[in-house]
C-alpha atoms as a PDB file:
ATOM      1  CA  UNK A   1      -0.516 -23.082  47.085  1.00  0.00           C
ATOM      2  CA  UNK A   2      -1.615 -26.641  46.467  1.00  0.00           C
ATOM      3  CA  UNK A   3      -0.767 -28.137  43.129  1.00  0.00           C
ATOM      4  CA  UNK A   4      -3.995 -29.721  41.890  1.00  0.00           C
ATOM      5  CA  UNK A   5      -3.735 -32.045  38.969  1.00  0.00           C
ATOM      6  CA  UNK A   6      -5.492 -30.541  35.921  1.00  0.00           C
ATOM      7  CA  UNK A   7      -7.459 -33.758  35.514  1.00  0.00           C
ATOM      8  CA  UNK A   8      -8.825 -33.431  39.052  1.00  0.00           C
ATOM      9  CA  UNK A   9      -9.833 -29.834  38.520  1.00  0.00           C
ATOM     10  CA  UNK A  10     -11.446 -30.704  35.174  1.00  0.00           C
ATOM     11  CA  UNK A  11     -13.304 -33.659  36.692  1.00  0.00           C
ATOM     12  CA  UNK A  12     -14.666 -31.434  39.466  1.00  0.00           C
ATOM     13  CA  UNK A  13     -15.898 -28.956  36.854  1.00  0.00           C
ATOM     14  CA  UNK A  14     -17.422 -31.591  34.583  1.00  0.00           C
ATOM     15  CA  UNK A  15     -19.465 -32.969  37.485  1.00  0.00           C
ATOM     16  CA  UNK A  16     -21.095 -29.544  37.755  1.00  0.00           C
ATOM     17  CA  UNK A  17     -21.344 -28.602  34.065  1.00  0.00           C
ATOM     18  CA  UNK A  18     -24.946 -29.758  33.479  1.00  0.00           C
ATOM     19  CA  UNK A  19     -26.190 -28.052  36.637  1.00  0.00           C
ATOM     20  CA  UNK A  20     -24.344 -24.828  35.795  1.00  0.00           C
ATOM     21  CA  UNK A  21     -25.697 -24.772  32.249  1.00  0.00           C
ATOM     22  CA  UNK A  22     -29.218 -25.342  33.576  1.00  0.00           C
ATOM     23  CA  UNK A  23     -28.828 -22.437  35.983  1.00  0.00           C
ATOM     24  CA  UNK A  24     -27.434 -20.108  33.307  1.00  0.00           C
ATOM     25  CA  UNK A  25     -30.162 -21.027  30.807  1.00  0.00           C
ATOM     26  CA  UNK A  26     -32.887 -20.293  33.337  1.00  0.00           C
ATOM     27  CA  UNK A  27     -31.262 -16.994  34.242  1.00  0.00           C
ATOM     28  CA  UNK A  28     -30.693 -15.858  30.640  1.00  0.00           C
ATOM     29  CA  UNK A  29     -33.118 -17.779  28.396  1.00  0.00           C
ATOM     30  CA  UNK A  30     -30.326 -18.314  25.856  1.00  0.00           C
ATOM     31  CA  UNK A  31     -28.320 -21.450  25.126  1.00  0.00           C
ATOM     32  CA  UNK A  32     -25.463 -19.542  23.521  1.00  0.00           C
ATOM     33  CA  UNK A  33     -25.143 -17.137  26.451  1.00  0.00           C
ATOM     34  CA  UNK A  34     -25.451 -20.012  28.928  1.00  0.00           C
ATOM     35  CA  UNK A  35     -22.586 -21.817  27.194  1.00  0.00           C
ATOM     36  CA  UNK A  36     -20.485 -18.628  27.220  1.00  0.00           C
ATOM     37  CA  UNK A  37     -21.100 -18.141  30.939  1.00  0.00           C
ATOM     38  CA  UNK A  38     -20.175 -21.743  31.748  1.00  0.00           C
ATOM     39  CA  UNK A  39     -17.004 -21.388  29.676  1.00  0.00           C
ATOM     40  CA  UNK A  40     -16.106 -18.185  31.528  1.00  0.00           C
ATOM     41  CA  UNK A  41     -16.710 -19.971  34.826  1.00  0.00           C
ATOM     42  CA  UNK A  42     -14.332 -22.752  33.742  1.00  0.00           C
ATOM     43  CA  UNK A  43     -11.610 -20.233  32.912  1.00  0.00           C
ATOM     44  CA  UNK A  44     -11.994 -18.618  36.330  1.00  0.00           C
ATOM     45  CA  UNK A  45     -12.063 -21.995  38.072  1.00  0.00           C
ATOM     46  CA  UNK A  46      -8.711 -22.864  36.509  1.00  0.00           C
ATOM     47  CA  UNK A  47      -7.181 -19.770  38.109  1.00  0.00           C
ATOM     48  CA  UNK A  48      -8.452 -20.456  41.645  1.00  0.00           C
ATOM     49  CA  UNK A  49      -5.464 -21.299  43.890  1.00  0.00           C
ATOM     50  CA  UNK A  50      -5.989 -24.727  45.325  1.00  0.00           C
ATOM     51  CA  UNK A  51      -9.450 -26.220  45.755  1.00  0.00           C
ATOM     52  CA  UNK A  52     -10.148 -25.097  49.299  1.00  0.00           C
ATOM     53  CA  UNK A  53     -13.559 -23.774  48.313  1.00  0.00           C
ATOM     54  CA  UNK A  54     -15.819 -26.553  47.061  1.00  0.00           C
ATOM     55  CA  UNK A  55     -16.382 -26.682  43.312  1.00  0.00           C
ATOM     56  CA  UNK A  56     -20.222 -26.603  43.542  1.00  0.00           C
ATOM     57  CA  UNK A  57     -20.268 -23.513  45.783  1.00  0.00           C
ATOM     58  CA  UNK A  58     -17.586 -21.590  43.905  1.00  0.00           C
ATOM     59  CA  UNK A  59     -18.972 -22.387  40.460  1.00  0.00           C
ATOM     60  CA  UNK A  60     -22.570 -21.604  41.450  1.00  0.00           C
ATOM     61  CA  UNK A  61     -21.478 -18.205  42.756  1.00  0.00           C
ATOM     62  CA  UNK A  62     -19.416 -17.515  39.656  1.00  0.00           C
ATOM     63  CA  UNK A  63     -22.129 -18.487  37.159  1.00  0.00           C
ATOM     64  CA  UNK A  64     -24.794 -16.543  39.061  1.00  0.00           C
ATOM     65  CA  UNK A  65     -22.741 -13.374  39.133  1.00  0.00           C
ATOM     66  CA  UNK A  66     -21.757 -13.700  35.475  1.00  0.00           C
ATOM     67  CA  UNK A  67     -25.455 -14.060  34.625  1.00  0.00           C
ATOM     68  CA  UNK A  68     -26.389 -11.033  36.729  1.00  0.00           C
ATOM     69  CA  UNK A  69     -23.812  -8.995  34.817  1.00  0.00           C
ATOM     70  CA  UNK A  70     -25.263 -10.129  31.494  1.00  0.00           C
ATOM     71  CA  UNK A  71     -28.837  -9.408  32.580  1.00  0.00           C
ATOM     72  CA  UNK A  72     -28.012  -5.717  32.907  1.00  0.00           C
ATOM     73  CA  UNK A  73     -27.472  -5.450  29.151  1.00  0.00           C
ATOM     74  CA  UNK A  74     -30.104  -8.081  28.338  1.00  0.00           C
ATOM     75  CA  UNK A  75     -32.874  -5.902  29.763  1.00  0.00           C
ATOM     76  CA  UNK A  76     -31.951  -3.098  27.399  1.00  0.00           C
ATOM     77  CA  UNK A  77     -31.901  -5.517  24.446  1.00  0.00           C
ATOM     78  CA  UNK A  78     -35.342  -6.897  25.368  1.00  0.00           C
ATOM     79  CA  UNK A  79     -36.780  -3.384  25.390  1.00  0.00           C
ATOM     80  CA  UNK A  80     -35.637  -2.973  21.769  1.00  0.00           C
ATOM     81  CA  UNK A  81     -36.737  -6.458  20.708  1.00  0.00           C
ATOM     82  CA  UNK A  82     -39.218  -6.560  17.809  1.00  0.00           C
ATOM     83  CA  UNK A  83     -42.408  -8.420  18.743  1.00  0.00           C
ATOM     84  CA  UNK A  84     -42.903 -10.915  21.597  1.00  0.00           C
ATOM     85  CA  UNK A  85     -39.791 -12.409  23.190  1.00  0.00           C
ATOM     86  CA  UNK A  86     -39.572 -16.161  23.884  1.00  0.00           C
ATOM     87  CA  UNK A  87     -36.574 -18.016  25.321  1.00  0.00           C
ATOM     88  CA  UNK A  88     -34.444 -20.093  22.991  1.00  0.00           C
ATOM     89  CA  UNK A  89     -36.242 -23.449  22.835  1.00  0.00           C
ATOM     90  CA  UNK A  90     -34.944 -26.355  24.880  1.00  0.00           C
ATOM     91  CA  UNK A  91     -35.662 -29.313  22.590  1.00  0.00           C
ATOM     92  CA  UNK A  92     -35.613 -32.956  23.630  1.00  0.00           C
ATOM     93  CA  UNK A  93     -36.727 -36.094  21.849  1.00  0.00           C
ATOM     94  CA  UNK A  94     -40.105 -37.447  22.922  1.00  0.00           C
ATOM     95  CA  UNK A  95     -38.676 -40.921  23.455  1.00  0.00           C
ATOM     96  CA  UNK A  96     -35.800 -39.819  25.715  1.00  0.00           C
ATOM     97  CA  UNK A  97     -35.179 -41.992  28.737  1.00  0.00           C
ATOM     98  CA  UNK A  98     -35.360 -40.912  32.379  1.00  0.00           C
ATOM     99  CA  UNK A  99     -35.661 -37.176  32.845  1.00  0.00           C
ATOM    100  CA  UNK A 100     -32.230 -35.537  33.083  1.00  0.00           C
ATOM    101  CA  UNK A 101     -31.762 -33.570  36.271  1.00  0.00           C
ATOM    102  CA  UNK A 102     -32.035 -29.786  35.897  1.00  0.00           C
ATOM    103  CA  UNK A 103     -33.133 -30.036  32.271  1.00  0.00           C
ATOM    104  CA  UNK A 104     -36.751 -31.202  32.345  1.00  0.00           C
ATOM    105  CA  UNK A 105     -37.864 -29.727  35.646  1.00  0.00           C
ATOM    106  CA  UNK A 106     -41.045 -27.689  35.445  1.00  0.00           C
ATOM    107  CA  UNK A 107     -38.877 -24.580  35.744  1.00  0.00           C
ATOM    108  CA  UNK A 108     -37.995 -24.710  32.043  1.00  0.00           C
ATOM    109  CA  UNK A 109     -41.589 -24.541  30.808  1.00  0.00           C
ATOM    110  CA  UNK A 110     -42.178 -21.629  28.463  1.00  0.00           C
ATOM    111  CA  UNK A 111     -44.794 -20.019  30.704  1.00  0.00           C
ATOM    112  CA  UNK A 112     -42.440 -20.326  33.664  1.00  0.00           C
ATOM    113  CA  UNK A 113     -39.461 -18.929  31.755  1.00  0.00           C
ATOM    114  CA  UNK A 114     -41.568 -15.961  30.671  1.00  0.00           C
ATOM    115  CA  UNK A 115     -42.658 -15.439  34.272  1.00  0.00           C
ATOM    116  CA  UNK A 116     -39.002 -15.387  35.342  1.00  0.00           C
ATOM    117  CA  UNK A 117     -38.494 -12.508  32.923  1.00  0.00           C
ATOM    118  CA  UNK A 118     -40.893 -10.406  34.998  1.00  0.00           C
ATOM    119  CA  UNK A 119     -38.779 -10.811  38.139  1.00  0.00           C
ATOM    120  CA  UNK A 120     -35.848  -8.621  39.068  1.00  0.00           C
ATOM    121  CA  UNK A 121     -32.455 -10.276  38.436  1.00  0.00           C
ATOM    122  CA  UNK A 122     -31.864 -10.707  42.191  1.00  0.00           C
ATOM    123  CA  UNK A 123     -35.318 -12.239  42.728  1.00  0.00           C
ATOM    124  CA  UNK A 124     -34.682 -14.620  39.864  1.00  0.00           C
ATOM    125  CA  UNK A 125     -31.289 -15.628  41.224  1.00  0.00           C
ATOM    126  CA  UNK A 126     -32.463 -16.138  44.809  1.00  0.00           C
ATOM    127  CA  UNK A 127     -35.479 -18.198  43.718  1.00  0.00           C
ATOM    128  CA  UNK A 128     -33.588 -20.417  41.278  1.00  0.00           C
ATOM    129  CA  UNK A 129     -30.682 -21.053  43.623  1.00  0.00           C
ATOM    130  CA  UNK A 130     -32.955 -22.010  46.512  1.00  0.00           C
ATOM    131  CA  UNK A 131     -36.093 -23.579  45.004  1.00  0.00           C
ATOM    132  CA  UNK A 132     -34.612 -25.213  41.904  1.00  0.00           C
ATOM    133  CA  UNK A 133     -30.959 -25.844  42.801  1.00  0.00           C
ATOM    134  CA  UNK A 134     -31.497 -26.324  46.552  1.00  0.00           C
ATOM    135  CA  UNK A 135     -28.764 -24.076  47.919  1.00  0.00           C
ATOM    136  CA  UNK A 136     -29.229 -22.833  51.465  1.00  0.00           C
ATOM    137  CA  UNK A 137     -29.753 -19.141  52.139  1.00  0.00           C
ATOM    138  CA  UNK A 138     -26.358 -18.773  53.808  1.00  0.00           C
ATOM    139  CA  UNK A 139     -24.652 -19.779  50.555  1.00  0.00           C
ATOM    140  CA  UNK A 140     -27.039 -17.666  48.464  1.00  0.00           C
ATOM    141  CA  UNK A 141     -26.215 -14.691  50.717  1.00  0.00           C
ATOM    142  CA  UNK A 142     -22.525 -15.143  49.927  1.00  0.00           C
ATOM    143  CA  UNK A 143     -23.334 -15.266  46.212  1.00  0.00           C
ATOM    144  CA  UNK A 144     -25.566 -12.184  46.169  1.00  0.00           C
ATOM    145  CA  UNK A 145     -23.593 -10.301  48.823  1.00  0.00           C
ATOM    146  CA  UNK A 146     -26.688  -9.853  50.976  1.00  0.00           C
ATOM    147  CA  UNK A 147     -27.962 -11.181  54.287  1.00  0.00           C
ATOM    148  CA  UNK A 148     -29.681 -14.582  54.451  1.00  0.00           C
ATOM    149  CA  UNK A 149     -32.861 -12.808  55.574  1.00  0.00           C
ATOM    150  CA  UNK A 150     -32.792 -10.542  52.528  1.00  0.00           C
ATOM    151  CA  UNK A 151     -32.247 -13.516  50.220  1.00  0.00           C
ATOM    152  CA  UNK A 152     -35.087 -15.385  51.888  1.00  0.00           C
ATOM    153  CA  UNK A 153     -37.337 -12.396  51.247  1.00  0.00           C
ATOM    154  CA  UNK A 154     -36.245 -12.194  47.596  1.00  0.00           C
ATOM    155  CA  UNK A 155     -37.027 -15.873  47.049  1.00  0.00           C
ATOM    156  CA  UNK A 156     -40.362 -15.618  48.855  1.00  0.00           C
ATOM    157  CA  UNK A 157     -41.421 -12.638  46.772  1.00  0.00           C
ATOM    158  CA  UNK A 158     -40.456 -14.452  43.584  1.00  0.00           C
ATOM    159  CA  UNK A 159     -42.215 -17.631  44.687  1.00  0.00           C
ATOM    160  CA  UNK A 160     -45.456 -15.756  45.287  1.00  0.00           C
ATOM    161  CA  UNK A 161     -45.311 -14.113  41.871  1.00  0.00           C
ATOM    162  CA  UNK A 162     -44.449 -17.359  40.104  1.00  0.00           C
ATOM    163  CA  UNK A 163     -46.906 -19.669  41.839  1.00  0.00           C
ATOM    164  CA  UNK A 164     -49.695 -18.979  39.349  1.00  0.00           C
ATOM    165  CA  UNK A 165     -47.375 -19.634  36.428  1.00  0.00           C
ATOM    166  CA  UNK A 166     -46.362 -23.163  37.363  1.00  0.00           C
ATOM    167  CA  UNK A 167     -47.739 -25.771  34.937  1.00  0.00           C
ATOM    168  CA  UNK A 168     -50.572 -27.605  36.698  1.00  0.00           C
ATOM    169  CA  UNK A 169     -51.785 -29.967  33.993  1.00  0.00           C
ATOM    170  CA  UNK A 170     -50.188 -32.314  31.547  1.00  0.00           C
ATOM    171  CA  UNK A 171     -51.551 -34.468  28.760  1.00  0.00           C
ATOM    172  CA  UNK A 172     -50.112 -37.874  27.924  1.00  0.00           C
ATOM    173  CA  UNK A 173     -47.777 -37.450  24.913  1.00  0.00           C
ATOM    174  CA  UNK A 174     -49.728 -39.815  22.635  1.00  0.00           C
ATOM    175  CA  UNK A 175     -52.974 -37.958  23.388  1.00  0.00           C
ATOM    176  CA  UNK A 176     -51.289 -34.568  23.056  1.00  0.00           C
ATOM    177  CA  UNK A 177     -49.933 -35.301  19.583  1.00  0.00           C
ATOM    178  CA  UNK A 178     -53.303 -36.661  18.444  1.00  0.00           C
ATOM    179  CA  UNK A 179     -54.911 -33.398  19.600  1.00  0.00           C
ATOM    180  CA  UNK A 180     -52.208 -31.334  17.895  1.00  0.00           C
ATOM    181  CA  UNK A 181     -52.663 -33.249  14.619  1.00  0.00           C
ATOM    182  CA  UNK A 182     -56.427 -32.692  14.758  1.00  0.00           C
ATOM    183  CA  UNK A 183     -55.952 -29.020  15.578  1.00  0.00           C
ATOM    184  CA  UNK A 184     -53.524 -28.509  12.702  1.00  0.00           C
ATOM    185  CA  UNK A 185     -55.820 -30.333  10.258  1.00  0.00           C
ATOM    186  CA  UNK A 186     -58.728 -28.084  11.305  1.00  0.00           C
ATOM    187  CA  UNK A 187     -56.499 -25.025  10.910  1.00  0.00           C
ATOM    188  CA  UNK A 188     -55.434 -26.043   7.408  1.00  0.00           C
ATOM    189  CA  UNK A 189     -59.110 -26.543   6.489  1.00  0.00           C
ATOM    190  CA  UNK A 190     -60.080 -23.208   8.002  1.00  0.00           C
ATOM    191  CA  UNK A 191     -62.588 -24.946  10.304  1.00  0.00           C
ATOM    192  CA  UNK A 192     -62.943 -22.130  12.837  1.00  0.00           C
ATOM    193  CA  UNK A 193     -65.739 -23.841  14.775  1.00  0.00           C
ATOM    194  CA  UNK A 194     -63.620 -26.931  15.385  1.00  0.00           C
ATOM    195  CA  UNK A 195     -60.574 -24.815  16.275  1.00  0.00           C
ATOM    196  CA  UNK A 196     -62.537 -22.783  18.806  1.00  0.00           C
ATOM    197  CA  UNK A 197     -63.846 -25.954  20.448  1.00  0.00           C
ATOM    198  CA  UNK A 198     -60.299 -27.212  20.938  1.00  0.00           C
ATOM    199  CA  UNK A 199     -59.049 -23.946  22.457  1.00  0.00           C
ATOM    200  CA  UNK A 200     -59.524 -22.624  25.993  1.00  0.00           C
ATOM    201  CA  UNK A 201     -61.496 -19.382  26.116  1.00  0.00           C
ATOM    202  CA  UNK A 202     -58.394 -17.418  27.162  1.00  0.00           C
ATOM    203  CA  UNK A 203     -55.958 -19.229  24.850  1.00  0.00           C
ATOM    204  CA  UNK A 204     -52.807 -17.389  23.745  1.00  0.00           C
ATOM    205  CA  UNK A 205     -50.813 -17.549  20.511  1.00  0.00           C
ATOM    206  CA  UNK A 206     -47.276 -16.160  20.790  1.00  0.00           C
ATOM    207  CA  UNK A 207     -44.821 -16.116  17.896  1.00  0.00           C
ATOM    208  CA  UNK A 208     -41.244 -14.852  18.122  1.00  0.00           C
ATOM    209  CA  UNK A 209     -39.619 -13.720  14.886  1.00  0.00           C
ATOM    210  CA  UNK A 210     -37.391 -11.047  16.404  1.00  0.00           C
ATOM    211  CA  UNK A 211     -38.074  -8.786  13.424  1.00  0.00           C
ATOM    212  CA  UNK A 212     -36.032 -11.131  11.214  1.00  0.00           C
ATOM    213  CA  UNK A 213     -38.870 -13.284   9.834  1.00  0.00           C
ATOM    214  CA  UNK A 214     -42.645 -12.941   9.636  1.00  0.00           C
ATOM    215  CA  UNK A 215     -44.412 -13.315  12.999  1.00  0.00           C
ATOM    216  CA  UNK A 216     -47.277 -11.730  14.924  1.00  0.00           C
ATOM    217  CA  UNK A 217     -46.140  -8.434  16.450  1.00  0.00           C
ATOM    218  CA  UNK A 218     -48.028  -9.057  19.701  1.00  0.00           C
ATOM    219  CA  UNK A 219     -49.626 -12.031  21.485  1.00  0.00           C
ATOM    220  CA  UNK A 220     -53.065 -13.067  20.204  1.00  0.00           C
ATOM    221  CA  UNK A 221     -55.545 -13.817  23.010  1.00  0.00           C
ATOM    222  CA  UNK A 222     -58.975 -15.499  22.949  1.00  0.00           C
ATOM    223  CA  UNK A 223     -60.163 -18.761  21.361  1.00  0.00           C
ATOM    224  CA  UNK A 224     -61.707 -17.310  18.207  1.00  0.00           C
ATOM    225  CA  UNK A 225     -58.858 -14.870  17.574  1.00  0.00           C
ATOM    226  CA  UNK A 226     -56.236 -17.565  18.153  1.00  0.00           C
ATOM    227  CA  UNK A 227     -58.087 -19.958  15.832  1.00  0.00           C
ATOM    228  CA  UNK A 228     -58.138 -17.375  13.044  1.00  0.00           C
ATOM    229  CA  UNK A 229     -54.537 -16.327  13.642  1.00  0.00           C
ATOM    230  CA  UNK A 230     -53.141 -19.863  13.696  1.00  0.00           C
ATOM    231  CA  UNK A 231     -55.137 -20.896  10.632  1.00  0.00           C
ATOM    232  CA  UNK A 232     -53.853 -17.864   8.738  1.00  0.00           C
ATOM    233  CA  UNK A 233     -50.347 -18.467  10.050  1.00  0.00           C
ATOM    234  CA  UNK A 234     -50.263 -22.013   8.651  1.00  0.00           C
ATOM    235  CA  UNK A 235     -51.711 -21.018   5.308  1.00  0.00           C
ATOM    236  CA  UNK A 236     -49.119 -18.286   4.842  1.00  0.00           C
ATOM    237  CA  UNK A 237     -46.294 -20.734   5.468  1.00  0.00           C
ATOM    238  CA  UNK A 238     -44.666 -21.899   2.267  1.00  0.00           C
ATOM    239  CA  UNK A 239     -45.356 -25.643   2.327  1.00  0.00           C
ATOM    240  CA  UNK A 240     -42.296 -26.553   0.196  1.00  0.00           C
ATOM    241  CA  UNK A 241     -40.082 -24.943   2.850  1.00  0.00           C
ATOM    242  CA  UNK A 242     -41.019 -27.556   5.455  1.00  0.00           C
ATOM    243  CA  UNK A 243     -39.773 -31.051   4.672  1.00  0.00           C
ATOM    244  CA  UNK A 244     -40.201 -32.651   8.108  1.00  0.00           C
ATOM    245  CA  UNK A 245     -42.229 -32.082  11.261  1.00  0.00           C
ATOM    246  CA  UNK A 246     -40.302 -33.795  14.045  1.00  0.00           C
ATOM    247  CA  UNK A 247     -42.203 -34.495  17.304  1.00  0.00           C
ATOM    248  CA  UNK A 248     -40.308 -33.147  20.294  1.00  0.00           C
ATOM    249  CA  UNK A 249     -40.607 -31.763  23.785  1.00  0.00           C
ATOM    250  CA  UNK A 250     -40.155 -27.988  23.642  1.00  0.00           C
ATOM    251  CA  UNK A 251     -39.301 -26.756  27.145  1.00  0.00           C
ATOM    252  CA  UNK A 252     -41.192 -29.758  28.469  1.00  0.00           C
ATOM    253  CA  UNK A 253     -44.258 -29.132  26.267  1.00  0.00           C
ATOM    254  CA  UNK A 254     -45.332 -31.362  23.358  1.00  0.00           C
ATOM    255  CA  UNK A 255     -44.564 -29.795  20.015  1.00  0.00           C
ATOM    256  CA  UNK A 256     -42.818 -30.013  16.685  1.00  0.00           C
ATOM    257  CA  UNK A 257     -39.498 -28.974  15.219  1.00  0.00           C
ATOM    258  CA  UNK A 258     -40.141 -28.050  11.569  1.00  0.00           C
ATOM    259  CA  UNK A 259     -37.111 -28.627   9.355  1.00  0.00           C
ATOM    260  CA  UNK A 260     -36.163 -27.879   5.771  1.00  0.00           C
ATOM    261  CA  UNK A 261     -34.825 -30.554   3.435  1.00  0.00           C
ATOM    262  CA  UNK A 262     -31.249 -29.620   4.378  1.00  0.00           C
ATOM    263  CA  UNK A 263     -32.004 -30.213   8.069  1.00  0.00           C
ATOM    264  CA  UNK A 264     -32.052 -26.566   9.108  1.00  0.00           C
ATOM    265  CA  UNK A 265     -34.879 -25.497  11.390  1.00  0.00           C
ATOM    266  CA  UNK A 266     -37.756 -23.314  10.185  1.00  0.00           C
ATOM    267  CA  UNK A 267     -39.406 -22.992  13.594  1.00  0.00           C
ATOM    268  CA  UNK A 268     -40.453 -24.775  16.764  1.00  0.00           C
ATOM    269  CA  UNK A 269     -44.097 -25.012  17.837  1.00  0.00           C
ATOM    270  CA  UNK A 270     -45.128 -25.939  21.394  1.00  0.00           C
ATOM    271  CA  UNK A 271     -48.615 -26.510  22.843  1.00  0.00           C
ATOM    272  CA  UNK A 272     -49.819 -26.162  26.435  1.00  0.00           C
ATOM    273  CA  UNK A 273     -53.046 -27.821  27.605  1.00  0.00           C
ATOM    274  CA  UNK A 274     -55.490 -27.357  30.481  1.00  0.00           C
ATOM    275  CA  UNK A 275     -57.162 -30.016  32.649  1.00  0.00           C
ATOM    276  CA  UNK A 276     -59.853 -30.520  29.973  1.00  0.00           C
ATOM    277  CA  UNK A 277     -57.205 -31.174  27.283  1.00  0.00           C
ATOM    278  CA  UNK A 278     -57.963 -27.863  25.602  1.00  0.00           C
ATOM    279  CA  UNK A 279     -55.107 -25.820  24.172  1.00  0.00           C
ATOM    280  CA  UNK A 280     -54.284 -22.871  26.432  1.00  0.00           C
ATOM    281  CA  UNK A 281     -51.185 -21.620  24.622  1.00  0.00           C
ATOM    282  CA  UNK A 282     -49.270 -22.030  21.368  1.00  0.00           C
ATOM    283  CA  UNK A 283     -45.656 -20.863  21.349  1.00  0.00           C
ATOM    284  CA  UNK A 284     -43.820 -20.486  18.031  1.00  0.00           C
ATOM    285  CA  UNK A 285     -40.129 -19.575  17.819  1.00  0.00           C
ATOM    286  CA  UNK A 286     -39.140 -18.441  14.303  1.00  0.00           C
ATOM    287  CA  UNK A 287     -36.213 -16.117  15.031  1.00  0.00           C
ATOM    288  CA  UNK A 288     -33.344 -17.891  13.210  1.00  0.00           C
ATOM    289  CA  UNK A 289     -30.840 -16.619  15.760  1.00  0.00           C
ATOM    290  CA  UNK A 290     -32.676 -18.623  18.438  1.00  0.00           C
ATOM    291  CA  UNK A 291     -32.687 -21.821  16.374  1.00  0.00           C
ATOM    292  CA  UNK A 292     -29.001 -22.096  15.527  1.00  0.00           C
ATOM    293  CA  UNK A 293     -28.291 -24.495  18.398  1.00  0.00           C
ATOM    294  CA  UNK A 294     -30.732 -26.991  16.862  1.00  0.00           C
END
């Protein structure tokens, strides 16, 4: 057995940590669970005799299989979840520098993360490992204990189902926040005509409270219904509770993090736009258990 220096083993792991966390978050939709999986992978990596197997390959296999194990119980929890389920928000400052690899790819958008939920765990794993993390099908086959042909078919099936969910349009941040400010002002004034004009005909409003705080029990669909729902939603909010609305990117979408005076988070709000700069979706995460990491 080779005697690897702990510092060398740790350095090999740290080079992969960001990629592993990105993979686990996409698989699970939870920062806390992603961190737990990465920690478990580190503990297993420490026990591997020698370093004959490359760190990237071994750690990718380990994290994927740990995530697949967790998804078995996660599906049961989602079936009991109260109201719509949204992934824990990935929040980044608007003025961040160059896009960090694996963190701001289009495959963390809220629509895309929700689409991943509709795939089987194996489809999700095969697609993410190949299309997002660029592993070859021979390595994916080792991870999933299947043939390369079967893994190729899993990824292809997932790709077909996800193609329609990929974000196709973006609005420049400055323009997006101006539109969001105007939309919120119209909502506070109860100007339904203005709200409807700013919304796509098939706009969606999704709020996740997890049964712990007030939120819509099902998605609201349609411009007029979304306008009414969002206007009512804002008016019901206790204004003194919100001390700061911090602009941020929420899973790559422009939005706000609403904080109390003590810095704790009330909710995140993210907006998606179409090619005509109309709002196609509003995603609100209010479940306090999903905001702890902020």
